[in-house]
Amino acid sequence: MRFVLKNFHIIVFACVSLFSAAWIATDPGRAEKIARPLVEDAREVKMLATGAYRELRDYNWRAACDEFVTMYVTAMRMPSLVFERLADRLDKFNDDISKRAQGASGLTPRAETERQLAFGQADAMASAMP
């Protein structure tokens, strides 16, 4: 009994694998219809994650650290200036967000084309579904 409880997760994984294999073998068309949107969503998430990793890699961490130190020193000297600088930074941030929302996606032309094709395929599949 101890062996079964200790390795219960392996037994559950094996049962799920066998069930999914039997389900796919009995009705592959239905399994493909269900799996296709999941695969397209995974491609979309991969493209978004790749862009996010690229932005993090290219981010200037030294400037962010210097900005934090400047804010800390300003807070120690005159606390009211912190809110003024914070308001300025928030205005810049809002401007940046609005520019990105207007179409500056930051993707390369090839990645943008792939994203549009993925959306087109997803729209076509969604319109074909009952």
N, C-alpha and C. Protein backbone atom coordinates (compact mmCIF):
# COMPACT_ATOMS: atom_id res chain seq x y z
N MET A 1 0.83 -1.20 0.00
CA MET A 1 0.00 0.00 0.00
C MET A 1 0.87 1.25 0.00
N ARG A 2 1.98 1.18 0.68
CA ARG A 2 2.87 2.34 0.76
C ARG A 2 3.45 2.67 -0.61
N PHE A 3 3.76 1.65 -1.40
CA PHE A 3 4.30 1.85 -2.75
C PHE A 3 3.29 2.59 -3.63
N VAL A 4 2.02 2.21 -3.53
CA VAL A 4 0.97 2.83 -4.34
C VAL A 4 0.82 4.30 -3.98
N LEU A 5 0.78 4.62 -2.71
CA LEU A 5 0.62 6.01 -2.30
C LEU A 5 1.85 6.85 -2.62
N LYS A 6 3.02 6.26 -2.49
CA LYS A 6 4.25 6.99 -2.75
C LYS A 6 4.39 7.33 -4.23
N ASN A 7 3.93 6.45 -5.10
CA ASN A 7 4.05 6.65 -6.54
C ASN A 7 2.71 6.92 -7.21
N PHE A 8 1.79 7.50 -6.48
CA PHE A 8 0.46 7.76 -7.00
C PHE A 8 0.50 8.70 -8.21
N HIS A 9 1.39 9.69 -8.18
CA HIS A 9 1.47 10.64 -9.29
C HIS A 9 1.89 9.94 -10.59
N ILE A 10 2.72 8.92 -10.49
CA ILE A 10 3.13 8.18 -11.68
C ILE A 10 1.97 7.36 -12.22
N ILE A 11 1.20 6.78 -11.35
CA ILE A 11 0.04 5.99 -11.76
C ILE A 11 -0.99 6.90 -12.43
N VAL A 12 -1.22 8.08 -11.88
CA VAL A 12 -2.17 9.02 -12.48
C VAL A 12 -1.68 9.45 -13.86
N PHE A 13 -0.40 9.75 -13.99
CA PHE A 13 0.16 10.15 -15.28
C PHE A 13 -0.01 9.03 -16.31
N ALA A 14 0.26 7.81 -15.91
CA ALA A 14 0.12 6.67 -16.83
C ALA A 14 -1.33 6.50 -17.24
N CYS A 15 -2.26 6.64 -16.31
CA CYS A 15 -3.69 6.50 -16.64
C CYS A 15 -4.14 7.59 -17.60
N VAL A 16 -3.72 8.83 -17.34
CA VAL A 16 -4.09 9.93 -18.23
C VAL A 16 -3.49 9.72 -19.62
N SER A 17 -2.26 9.26 -19.69
CA SER A 17 -1.62 9.00 -20.98
C SER A 17 -2.34 7.91 -21.75
N LEU A 18 -2.70 6.83 -21.08
CA LEU A 18 -3.42 5.75 -21.74
C LEU A 18 -4.81 6.20 -22.19
N PHE A 19 -5.50 6.96 -21.36
CA PHE A 19 -6.82 7.46 -21.72
C PHE A 19 -6.74 8.38 -22.93
N SER A 20 -5.76 9.29 -22.94
CA SER A 20 -5.65 10.21 -24.07
C SER A 20 -5.25 9.46 -25.34
N ALA A 21 -4.39 8.46 -25.24
CA ALA A 21 -4.00 7.68 -26.42
C ALA A 21 -5.21 6.93 -26.97
N ALA A 22 -6.02 6.35 -26.11
CA ALA A 22 -7.21 5.63 -26.56
C ALA A 22 -8.22 6.60 -27.18
N TRP A 23 -8.37 7.77 -26.60
CA TRP A 23 -9.31 8.76 -27.11
C TRP A 23 -8.88 9.25 -28.49
N ILE A 24 -7.60 9.50 -28.67
CA ILE A 24 -7.09 9.95 -29.97
C ILE A 24 -7.22 8.83 -31.00
N ALA A 25 -6.97 7.60 -30.60
CA ALA A 25 -7.03 6.48 -31.54
C ALA A 25 -8.46 6.22 -32.00
N THR A 26 -9.44 6.44 -31.14
CA THR A 26 -10.82 6.16 -31.52
C THR A 26 -11.44 7.25 -32.38
N ASP A 27 -11.03 8.54 -32.16
CA ASP A 27 -11.62 9.63 -32.93
C ASP A 27 -10.57 10.71 -33.19
N PRO A 28 -9.66 10.48 -34.17
CA PRO A 28 -8.58 11.44 -34.40
C PRO A 28 -9.06 12.79 -34.93
N GLY A 29 -10.14 12.81 -35.67
CA GLY A 29 -10.66 14.08 -36.20
C GLY A 29 -11.12 15.00 -35.09
N ARG A 30 -11.85 14.47 -34.16
CA ARG A 30 -12.34 15.27 -33.03
C ARG A 30 -11.17 15.74 -32.17
N ALA A 31 -10.21 14.86 -31.95
CA ALA A 31 -9.04 15.24 -31.15
C ALA A 31 -8.27 16.37 -31.82
N GLU A 32 -8.18 16.32 -33.15
CA GLU A 32 -7.48 17.40 -33.87
C GLU A 32 -8.25 18.71 -33.76
N LYS A 33 -9.57 18.67 -33.86
CA LYS A 33 -10.38 19.88 -33.72
C LYS A 33 -10.20 20.51 -32.34
N ILE A 34 -10.07 19.70 -31.32
CA ILE A 34 -9.90 20.22 -29.96
C ILE A 34 -8.48 20.71 -29.74
N ALA A 35 -7.51 20.01 -30.30
CA ALA A 35 -6.11 20.35 -30.05
C ALA A 35 -5.62 21.53 -30.88
N ARG A 36 -6.19 21.75 -32.06
CA ARG A 36 -5.70 22.81 -32.94
C ARG A 36 -5.75 24.20 -32.29
N PRO A 37 -6.85 24.62 -31.66
CA PRO A 37 -6.84 25.94 -31.01
C PRO A 37 -5.82 26.03 -29.87
N LEU A 38 -5.60 24.92 -29.18
CA LEU A 38 -4.61 24.92 -28.11
C LEU A 38 -3.21 25.14 -28.65
N VAL A 39 -2.91 24.50 -29.79
CA VAL A 39 -1.60 24.66 -30.40
C VAL A 39 -1.42 26.08 -30.92
N GLU A 40 -2.46 26.65 -31.52
CA GLU A 40 -2.36 28.03 -32.00
C GLU A 40 -2.18 29.00 -30.84
N ASP A 41 -2.87 28.76 -29.74
CA ASP A 41 -2.68 29.61 -28.56
C ASP A 41 -1.26 29.48 -28.02
N ALA A 42 -0.73 28.27 -28.06
CA ALA A 42 0.64 28.07 -27.58
C ALA A 42 1.64 28.80 -28.47
N ARG A 43 1.40 28.80 -29.79
CA ARG A 43 2.28 29.56 -30.69
C ARG A 43 2.22 31.05 -30.37
N GLU A 44 1.02 31.55 -30.13
CA GLU A 44 0.85 32.97 -29.80
C GLU A 44 1.58 33.31 -28.50
N VAL A 45 1.42 32.45 -27.49
CA VAL A 45 2.10 32.70 -26.22
C VAL A 45 3.61 32.66 -26.40
N LYS A 46 4.09 31.74 -27.24
CA LYS A 46 5.52 31.66 -27.49
C LYS A 46 6.03 32.94 -28.13
N MET A 47 5.30 33.46 -29.12
CA MET A 47 5.74 34.70 -29.77
C MET A 47 5.72 35.87 -28.79
N LEU A 48 4.69 35.95 -27.96
CA LEU A 48 4.63 37.03 -26.97
C LEU A 48 5.74 36.90 -25.94
N ALA A 49 6.01 35.68 -25.50
CA ALA A 49 7.08 35.46 -24.52
C ALA A 49 8.44 35.77 -25.11
N THR A 50 8.64 35.43 -26.38
CA THR A 50 9.91 35.74 -27.03
C THR A 50 10.12 37.25 -27.09
N GLY A 51 9.07 37.99 -27.42
CA GLY A 51 9.16 39.45 -27.43
C GLY A 51 9.45 40.01 -26.05
N ALA A 52 8.80 39.44 -25.04
CA ALA A 52 9.03 39.92 -23.67
C ALA A 52 10.46 39.63 -23.23
N TYR A 53 10.97 38.43 -23.55
CA TYR A 53 12.35 38.11 -23.19
C TYR A 53 13.33 39.03 -23.91
N ARG A 54 13.02 39.35 -25.17
CA ARG A 54 13.89 40.25 -25.93
C ARG A 54 13.90 41.65 -25.29
N GLU A 55 12.72 42.13 -24.88
CA GLU A 55 12.66 43.44 -24.23
C GLU A 55 13.41 43.43 -22.90
N LEU A 56 13.29 42.35 -22.14
CA LEU A 56 14.02 42.27 -20.87
C LEU A 56 15.53 42.22 -21.09
N ARG A 57 15.94 41.51 -22.14
CA ARG A 57 17.36 41.41 -22.43
C ARG A 57 17.92 42.76 -22.86
N ASP A 58 17.14 43.52 -23.61
CA ASP A 58 17.61 44.81 -24.11
C ASP A 58 17.38 45.96 -23.13
N TYR A 59 16.73 45.68 -22.02
CA TYR A 59 16.43 46.74 -21.06
C TYR A 59 17.72 47.25 -20.41
N ASN A 60 17.79 48.55 -20.21
CA ASN A 60 18.96 49.17 -19.62
C ASN A 60 18.82 49.15 -18.09
N TRP A 61 19.34 48.10 -17.48
CA TRP A 61 19.21 47.94 -16.03
C TRP A 61 20.05 48.97 -15.28
N ARG A 62 21.15 49.39 -15.86
CA ARG A 62 21.99 50.40 -15.21
C ARG A 62 21.21 51.71 -15.05
N ALA A 63 20.50 52.12 -16.08
CA ALA A 63 19.71 53.35 -16.00
C ALA A 63 18.60 53.22 -14.96
N ALA A 64 17.98 52.05 -14.89
CA ALA A 64 16.92 51.84 -13.89
C ALA A 64 17.49 51.91 -12.48
N CYS A 65 18.67 51.33 -12.29
CA CYS A 65 19.31 51.39 -10.97
C CYS A 65 19.67 52.83 -10.61
N ASP A 66 20.21 53.57 -11.57
CA ASP A 66 20.55 54.97 -11.32
C ASP A 66 19.30 55.79 -11.00
N GLU A 67 18.22 55.50 -11.69
CA GLU A 67 16.97 56.22 -11.42
C GLU A 67 16.45 55.92 -10.02
N PHE A 68 16.56 54.66 -9.61
CA PHE A 68 16.11 54.30 -8.27
C PHE A 68 16.96 55.02 -7.21
N VAL A 69 18.27 55.06 -7.41
CA VAL A 69 19.14 55.75 -6.46
C VAL A 69 18.80 57.24 -6.41
N THR A 70 18.55 57.82 -7.57
CA THR A 70 18.18 59.24 -7.62
C THR A 70 16.89 59.50 -6.86
N MET A 71 15.91 58.62 -7.06
CA MET A 71 14.63 58.77 -6.34
C MET A 71 14.83 58.63 -4.84
N TYR A 72 15.69 57.71 -4.42
CA TYR A 72 15.94 57.51 -3.00
C TYR A 72 16.62 58.73 -2.39
N VAL A 73 17.63 59.24 -3.08
CA VAL A 73 18.32 60.43 -2.57
C VAL A 73 17.37 61.61 -2.52
N THR A 74 16.53 61.77 -3.52
CA THR A 74 15.55 62.86 -3.53
C THR A 74 14.57 62.70 -2.37
N ALA A 75 14.15 61.48 -2.10
CA ALA A 75 13.22 61.25 -1.00
C ALA A 75 13.85 61.58 0.34
N MET A 76 15.14 61.35 0.48
CA MET A 76 15.80 61.67 1.73
C MET A 76 15.98 63.18 1.90
N ARG A 77 16.22 63.87 0.79
CA ARG A 77 16.45 65.31 0.87
C ARG A 77 15.15 66.09 1.00
N MET A 78 14.23 65.83 0.08
CA MET A 78 12.96 66.56 0.09
C MET A 78 11.86 65.63 -0.39
N PRO A 79 11.07 65.11 0.53
CA PRO A 79 10.06 64.10 0.16
C PRO A 79 9.00 64.59 -0.84
N SER A 80 8.68 65.87 -0.87
CA SER A 80 7.65 66.34 -1.79
C SER A 80 8.11 66.26 -3.25
N LEU A 81 9.42 66.33 -3.50
CA LEU A 81 9.92 66.21 -4.87
C LEU A 81 9.71 64.81 -5.44
N VAL A 82 9.64 63.83 -4.57
CA VAL A 82 9.45 62.45 -5.03
C VAL A 82 8.14 62.34 -5.80
N PHE A 83 7.09 62.95 -5.27
CA PHE A 83 5.80 62.86 -5.93
C PHE A 83 5.79 63.60 -7.25
N GLU A 84 6.51 64.72 -7.34
CA GLU A 84 6.60 65.44 -8.60
C GLU A 84 7.33 64.59 -9.64
N ARG A 85 8.44 63.99 -9.26
CA ARG A 85 9.19 63.15 -10.20
C ARG A 85 8.39 61.90 -10.57
N LEU A 86 7.70 61.36 -9.60
CA LEU A 86 6.87 60.20 -9.87
C LEU A 86 5.76 60.54 -10.85
N ALA A 87 5.15 61.69 -10.72
CA ALA A 87 4.12 62.12 -11.65
C ALA A 87 4.70 62.29 -13.06
N ASP A 88 5.90 62.84 -13.16
CA ASP A 88 6.54 62.97 -14.47
C ASP A 88 6.80 61.60 -15.09
N ARG A 89 7.30 60.66 -14.30
CA ARG A 89 7.58 59.31 -14.81
C ARG A 89 6.29 58.62 -15.25
N LEU A 90 5.21 58.81 -14.48
CA LEU A 90 3.94 58.19 -14.85
C LEU A 90 3.40 58.80 -16.14
N ASP A 91 3.59 60.09 -16.35
CA ASP A 91 3.18 60.70 -17.61
C ASP A 91 3.95 60.12 -18.78
N LYS A 92 5.26 59.95 -18.61
CA LYS A 92 6.07 59.35 -19.67
C LYS A 92 5.63 57.92 -19.95
N PHE A 93 5.33 57.19 -18.87
CA PHE A 93 4.89 55.81 -19.01
C PHE A 93 3.56 55.74 -19.76
N ASN A 94 2.62 56.61 -19.42
CA ASN A 94 1.33 56.63 -20.12
C ASN A 94 1.50 56.98 -21.58
N ASP A 95 2.40 57.91 -21.89
CA ASP A 95 2.67 58.24 -23.29
C ASP A 95 3.24 57.03 -24.03
N ASP A 96 4.15 56.32 -23.39
CA ASP A 96 4.75 55.14 -24.01
C ASP A 96 3.70 54.06 -24.27
N ILE A 97 2.84 53.83 -23.30
CA ILE A 97 1.77 52.83 -23.46
C ILE A 97 0.83 53.23 -24.58
N SER A 98 0.47 54.51 -24.66
CA SER A 98 -0.45 54.93 -25.71
C SER A 98 0.19 54.81 -27.09
N LYS A 99 1.51 55.08 -27.19
CA LYS A 99 2.19 54.91 -28.47
C LYS A 99 2.22 53.45 -28.89
N ARG A 100 2.46 52.57 -27.93
CA ARG A 100 2.47 51.14 -28.25
C ARG A 100 1.10 50.65 -28.66
N ALA A 101 0.06 51.19 -28.03
CA ALA A 101 -1.30 50.77 -28.35
C ALA A 101 -1.73 51.25 -29.73
N GLN A 102 -1.13 52.33 -30.21
CA GLN A 102 -1.52 52.88 -31.51
C GLN A 102 -0.89 52.14 -32.67
N GLY A 103 -0.02 51.20 -32.42
CA GLY A 103 0.48 50.41 -33.53
C GLY A 103 1.95 50.12 -33.49
N ALA A 104 2.70 50.75 -32.63
CA ALA A 104 4.13 50.47 -32.54
C ALA A 104 4.30 49.22 -31.71
N SER A 105 4.13 48.05 -32.35
CA SER A 105 4.15 46.79 -31.61
C SER A 105 5.54 46.36 -31.20
N GLY A 106 6.57 46.84 -31.90
CA GLY A 106 7.93 46.47 -31.54
C GLY A 106 8.37 45.13 -32.12
N LEU A 107 7.52 44.51 -32.92
CA LEU A 107 7.87 43.23 -33.52
C LEU A 107 8.59 43.46 -34.84
N THR A 108 9.42 42.53 -35.21
CA THR A 108 10.04 42.60 -36.53
C THR A 108 8.96 42.35 -37.58
N PRO A 109 9.19 42.78 -38.81
CA PRO A 109 8.16 42.56 -39.84
C PRO A 109 7.79 41.10 -40.02
N ARG A 110 8.77 40.20 -39.91
CA ARG A 110 8.48 38.77 -40.05
C ARG A 110 7.61 38.28 -38.91
N ALA A 111 7.94 38.69 -37.68
CA ALA A 111 7.14 38.27 -36.52
C ALA A 111 5.74 38.86 -36.59
N GLU A 112 5.63 40.09 -37.07
CA GLU A 112 4.31 40.70 -37.22
C GLU A 112 3.48 39.94 -38.25
N THR A 113 4.10 39.53 -39.35
CA THR A 113 3.41 38.75 -40.37
C THR A 113 2.95 37.41 -39.79
N GLU A 114 3.81 36.74 -39.03
CA GLU A 114 3.44 35.46 -38.41
C GLU A 114 2.28 35.65 -37.44
N ARG A 115 2.31 36.76 -36.68
CA ARG A 115 1.25 37.03 -35.72
C ARG A 115 -0.07 37.24 -36.45
N GLN A 116 -0.04 38.00 -37.55
CA GLN A 116 -1.26 38.23 -38.31
C GLN A 116 -1.78 36.95 -38.94
N LEU A 117 -0.87 36.10 -39.43
CA LEU A 117 -1.30 34.82 -39.99
C LEU A 117 -1.93 33.94 -38.92
N ALA A 118 -1.34 33.93 -37.73
CA ALA A 118 -1.89 33.13 -36.63
C ALA A 118 -3.28 33.63 -36.27
N PHE A 119 -3.45 34.97 -36.21
CA PHE A 119 -4.77 35.51 -35.91
C PHE A 119 -5.77 35.18 -37.02
N GLY A 120 -5.30 35.24 -38.27
CA GLY A 120 -6.18 34.90 -39.38
C GLY A 120 -6.64 33.46 -39.33
N GLN A 121 -5.73 32.55 -39.00
CA GLN A 121 -6.10 31.14 -38.89
C GLN A 121 -7.07 30.93 -37.73
N ALA A 122 -6.81 31.61 -36.63
CA ALA A 122 -7.71 31.46 -35.47
C ALA A 122 -9.08 32.01 -35.78
N ASP A 123 -9.16 33.16 -36.50
CA ASP A 123 -10.45 33.71 -36.87
C ASP A 123 -11.19 32.79 -37.82
N ALA A 124 -10.47 32.20 -38.78
CA ALA A 124 -11.10 31.29 -39.73
C ALA A 124 -11.64 30.06 -39.00
N MET A 125 -10.89 29.55 -38.05
CA MET A 125 -11.35 28.38 -37.31
C MET A 125 -12.53 28.74 -36.42
N ALA A 126 -12.49 29.91 -35.83
CA ALA A 126 -13.60 30.32 -34.96
C ALA A 126 -14.87 30.51 -35.75
N SER A 127 -14.76 31.03 -36.97
CA SER A 127 -15.96 31.22 -37.79
C SER A 127 -16.49 29.88 -38.29
N ALA A 128 -15.62 28.88 -38.44
CA ALA A 128 -16.05 27.58 -38.93
C ALA A 128 -16.68 26.73 -37.84
N MET A 129 -16.41 27.08 -36.58
CA MET A 129 -16.95 26.29 -35.48
C MET A 129 -18.43 26.62 -35.28
N PRO A 130 -19.22 25.65 -34.87
CA PRO A 130 -20.65 25.90 -34.68
C PRO A 130 -20.93 26.71 -33.43
